[in-house]
Protein backbone atom coordinates (compact mmCIF):
# COMPACT_ATOMS: atom_id res chain seq x y z
CA MET A 1 -19.09 -17.94 11.93
CA ALA A 2 -16.18 -18.37 9.53
CA ASP A 3 -13.13 -20.33 10.58
CA THR A 4 -10.09 -18.34 11.63
CA ASP A 5 -6.92 -18.65 9.59
CA GLU A 6 -5.36 -20.68 12.39
CA VAL A 7 -8.25 -23.18 12.29
CA LEU A 8 -7.99 -23.36 8.51
CA MET A 9 -4.28 -24.19 8.75
CA ARG A 10 -5.05 -27.04 11.14
CA LYS A 11 -7.60 -28.33 8.60
CA VAL A 12 -5.03 -28.00 5.81
CA ALA A 13 -2.66 -30.14 7.88
CA LYS A 14 -5.35 -32.84 7.81
CA GLY A 15 -5.60 -32.63 4.01
CA ASP A 16 -8.60 -30.30 3.70
CA LEU A 17 -8.15 -28.71 0.27
CA ALA A 18 -11.24 -26.51 0.64
CA ALA A 19 -9.65 -24.94 3.71
CA PHE A 20 -6.46 -24.36 1.74
CA ARG A 21 -8.38 -22.70 -1.11
CA LEU A 22 -10.08 -20.42 1.40
CA LEU A 23 -6.73 -19.43 2.91
CA MET A 24 -5.45 -18.67 -0.58
CA GLU A 25 -8.48 -16.50 -1.33
CA ARG A 26 -8.00 -14.58 1.90
CA TRP A 27 -4.24 -14.03 1.54
CA GLU A 28 -3.44 -14.02 -2.18
CA GLY A 29 -3.89 -10.26 -2.61
CA ALA A 30 -1.74 -9.51 0.43
CA ALA A 31 0.99 -11.86 -0.82
CA LYS A 32 1.08 -10.22 -4.24
CA ARG A 33 1.07 -6.68 -2.84
CA TYR A 34 3.89 -7.43 -0.43
CA ALA A 35 6.02 -9.25 -3.02
CA TYR A 36 5.40 -6.50 -5.56
CA ARG A 37 6.85 -3.97 -3.15
CA ILE A 38 9.94 -6.16 -2.80
CA PHE A 39 10.49 -7.05 -6.47
CA GLY A 40 8.79 -4.22 -8.33
CA ASP A 41 7.28 -6.38 -11.04
CA TYR A 42 4.03 -8.27 -11.20
CA GLN A 43 5.32 -11.59 -12.54
CA SER A 44 7.85 -11.95 -9.71
CA ALA A 45 5.14 -10.99 -7.22
CA GLU A 46 2.77 -13.64 -8.56
CA ASP A 47 5.53 -16.26 -8.59
CA ALA A 48 6.48 -15.45 -4.99
CA ALA A 49 2.85 -15.57 -3.87
CA GLN A 50 2.35 -18.96 -5.52
CA GLU A 51 5.55 -20.37 -4.02
CA THR A 52 4.53 -19.06 -0.59
CA PHE A 53 1.29 -21.03 -0.74
CA VAL A 54 3.18 -24.13 -1.82
CA ARG A 55 5.45 -23.71 1.20
CA LEU A 56 2.48 -23.13 3.51
CA TYR A 57 0.80 -26.29 2.25
CA ARG A 58 3.93 -28.40 2.60
CA SER A 59 4.65 -27.13 6.11
CA SER A 60 1.05 -27.20 7.34
CA GLY A 61 1.71 -30.27 9.48
CA ARG A 62 4.41 -28.38 11.39
CA TYR A 63 2.34 -25.20 11.86
CA GLU A 64 1.89 -24.19 15.50
CA PRO A 65 -0.46 -21.25 16.09
CA THR A 66 1.80 -19.51 18.65
CA ALA A 67 1.14 -16.13 17.02
CA LYS A 68 -1.41 -14.74 14.58
CA PHE A 69 -1.51 -16.52 11.25
CA GLY A 70 -0.60 -13.24 9.52
CA THR A 71 2.73 -13.15 11.33
CA TYR A 72 3.49 -16.70 10.23
CA PHE A 73 2.33 -15.94 6.69
CA TYR A 74 4.50 -12.84 6.31
CA THR A 75 7.47 -14.67 7.82
CA VAL A 76 7.24 -17.39 5.16
CA LEU A 77 6.64 -14.84 2.39
CA GLY A 78 9.36 -12.47 3.63
CA ASN A 79 11.94 -15.26 3.88
CA LEU A 80 11.11 -16.41 0.36
CA CYS A 81 11.42 -12.86 -1.03
CA ARG A 82 14.71 -12.21 0.78
CA ASP A 83 16.10 -15.53 -0.49
CA ARG A 84 15.18 -14.62 -4.06
CA VAL A 85 16.73 -11.15 -3.77
CA ARG A 86 19.96 -12.64 -2.39
CA ALA A 87 20.04 -15.26 -5.15
CA ALA A 88 19.58 -12.58 -7.82
CA ARG A 89 22.42 -10.57 -6.31
CA ARG A 90 24.69 -13.64 -6.24
CA ARG A 91 23.93 -14.38 -9.90
CA ALA A 92 24.68 -10.74 -10.76
CA GLY A 93 27.97 -11.04 -8.85
CA HIS A 94 28.99 -13.99 -11.02
CA GLY A 95 28.77 -12.06 -14.27
CA GLU A 96 25.17 -12.93 -15.13
CA VAL A 97 23.23 -9.86 -16.16
CA ILE A 98 20.24 -9.49 -13.86
CA GLU A 99 17.71 -6.72 -14.22
CA ASP A 100 17.33 -4.56 -11.15
CA VAL A 101 14.75 -6.39 -9.05
CA PHE A 102 13.41 -3.09 -7.78
CA VAL A 103 12.44 -1.51 -11.11
CA LEU A 104 8.68 -1.16 -11.37
CA ASP A 105 6.85 -2.93 -14.17
CA GLU A 106 3.91 -0.78 -15.23
CA THR A 107 2.60 -3.11 -17.93
CA ALA A 108 -0.36 -4.83 -16.29
CA GLU A 109 -2.19 -5.03 -13.00
CA PRO A 110 -2.59 -8.68 -11.88
CA THR A 111 -5.74 -9.91 -10.25
CA GLY A 112 -5.76 -9.62 -6.48
CA LEU A 113 -3.27 -6.74 -6.38
CA ALA A 114 -5.31 -3.89 -4.96
CA PRO A 115 -4.00 -0.33 -4.99
CA GLU A 116 -2.42 1.08 -1.88
CA PRO A 117 -4.88 2.55 0.63
CA ARG A 118 -5.35 6.28 1.31
CA ILE A 119 -3.89 7.42 -2.03
CA GLU A 120 -6.19 9.43 -4.26
CA SER A 121 -4.86 9.24 -7.82
CA GLU A 122 -3.05 6.71 -9.96
CA GLU A 123 -0.22 9.23 -10.39
CA GLU A 124 0.20 9.52 -6.61
CA ARG A 125 0.13 5.73 -6.25
CA LEU A 126 2.88 5.43 -8.85
CA MET A 127 4.97 8.08 -7.08
CA VAL A 128 4.62 6.25 -3.77
CA ARG A 129 5.46 2.88 -5.37
CA GLU A 130 8.58 4.33 -6.98
CA ALA A 131 9.66 6.04 -3.76
CA VAL A 132 9.13 2.86 -1.71
CA ALA A 133 11.03 0.80 -4.32
CA GLU A 134 14.05 3.07 -3.88
CA LEU A 135 14.30 2.46 -0.14
CA PRO A 136 16.98 0.09 1.16
CA GLU A 137 15.71 -3.48 1.59
CA LYS A 138 15.14 -3.54 5.37
CA LEU A 139 13.50 -0.11 5.42
CA ARG A 140 11.26 -1.01 2.47
CA GLU A 141 10.20 -4.32 4.04
CA ALA A 142 9.52 -2.90 7.51
CA LEU A 143 7.64 0.11 6.17
CA SER A 144 5.58 -2.03 3.78
CA LEU A 145 4.58 -4.42 6.57
CA ARG A 146 3.56 -1.52 8.81
CA GLU A 147 1.92 0.93 6.43
CA PHE A 148 0.49 -1.31 3.74
CA GLU A 149 -0.15 -4.59 5.55
CA GLY A 150 -1.02 -3.16 8.98
CA LEU A 151 1.24 -5.36 11.10
CA SER A 152 2.22 -4.23 14.60
CA TYR A 153 5.84 -3.45 15.46
CA HIS A 154 6.04 -6.71 17.41
CA GLU A 155 4.68 -8.71 14.48
CA ILE A 156 7.16 -7.04 12.12
CA ALA A 157 9.99 -7.94 14.49
CA ASP A 158 8.84 -11.57 14.40
CA VAL A 159 8.50 -11.58 10.61
CA MET A 160 11.90 -9.99 10.01
CA GLY A 161 13.73 -11.83 12.79
CA ALA A 162 14.76 -8.53 14.38
CA ASN A 163 14.37 -6.82 17.72
CA LEU A 164 11.76 -4.16 18.38
CA GLY A 165 14.30 -1.32 18.44
CA GLU A 166 15.60 -2.22 14.98
CA VAL A 167 12.08 -2.33 13.58
CA LYS A 168 11.22 1.08 15.03
CA THR A 169 14.43 2.53 13.61
CA TRP A 170 13.82 1.04 10.15
CA ILE A 171 10.26 2.34 10.04
CA HIS A 172 11.28 5.79 11.26
CA ARG A 173 14.12 6.03 8.72
CA GLY A 174 11.90 4.62 5.97
CA ARG A 175 9.20 7.21 6.65
CA LYS A 176 11.74 10.04 6.66
CA ARG A 177 13.36 8.91 3.40
CA LEU A 178 9.98 8.34 1.80
CA ALA A 179 8.75 11.80 2.80
CA HIS A 180 11.97 13.37 1.51
CA ARG A 181 11.72 11.52 -1.78
CA LEU A 182 8.05 12.43 -2.26
CA ARG A 183 8.82 16.09 -1.56
CA ARG A 184 11.48 16.00 -4.27
CA LEU A 185 9.04 14.41 -6.73
CA ALA A 186 6.29 16.95 -6.08
CA THR A 187 5.83 19.67 -8.69
CA PRO A 188 6.45 23.31 -7.67
CA ASP A 189 2.68 23.92 -7.56
CA GLU A 190 2.14 20.89 -5.31
CA ARG A 191 4.94 22.05 -3.03
CA ARG A 192 3.32 25.48 -2.67
CA GLU A 193 -0.07 23.87 -1.90
CA GLN A 194 1.53 21.73 0.81
CA GLY A 195 3.59 24.60 2.21
CA LEU A 196 6.91 22.94 1.34
């Protein structure tokens, strides 16, 4: 039977590089997908994923498996992404021209970045990505963790440092805004087919 992520982290704390490589293999795609939804471009997503693994390795000795590894992982990744977004906004506030961190880069698909589940065509995937990218930060993060990464409401609250009520509100509002945006993007024929 394969080691759990929690067991692998304990091995990493003891210097086991093979355990660390296995954790990276298991979580690299999830890290890139999540970061891509925050930043909207593949290079930033890959950079954030790489930095997350550096942070996990460096903090492995302090890791305490009080919750699922996934909760810990998304907390580290989420904090890193939020820090980078805030830093970009501060630089933009000081006169430095910063590209919008939420504009999607359609140039290339990196390895380990699987398409979103339950979406049939590339065109639909692109529409969903664009609609998610337009959501406010907290709504986008909460909805991404729930719908794309499969975390529970309690896990999302832990990751985002929020209470359960806030998380439920963010997800509800995110779903409503996303549905509204997707309805607006649908062609007249698609609207008729869906009864909109």
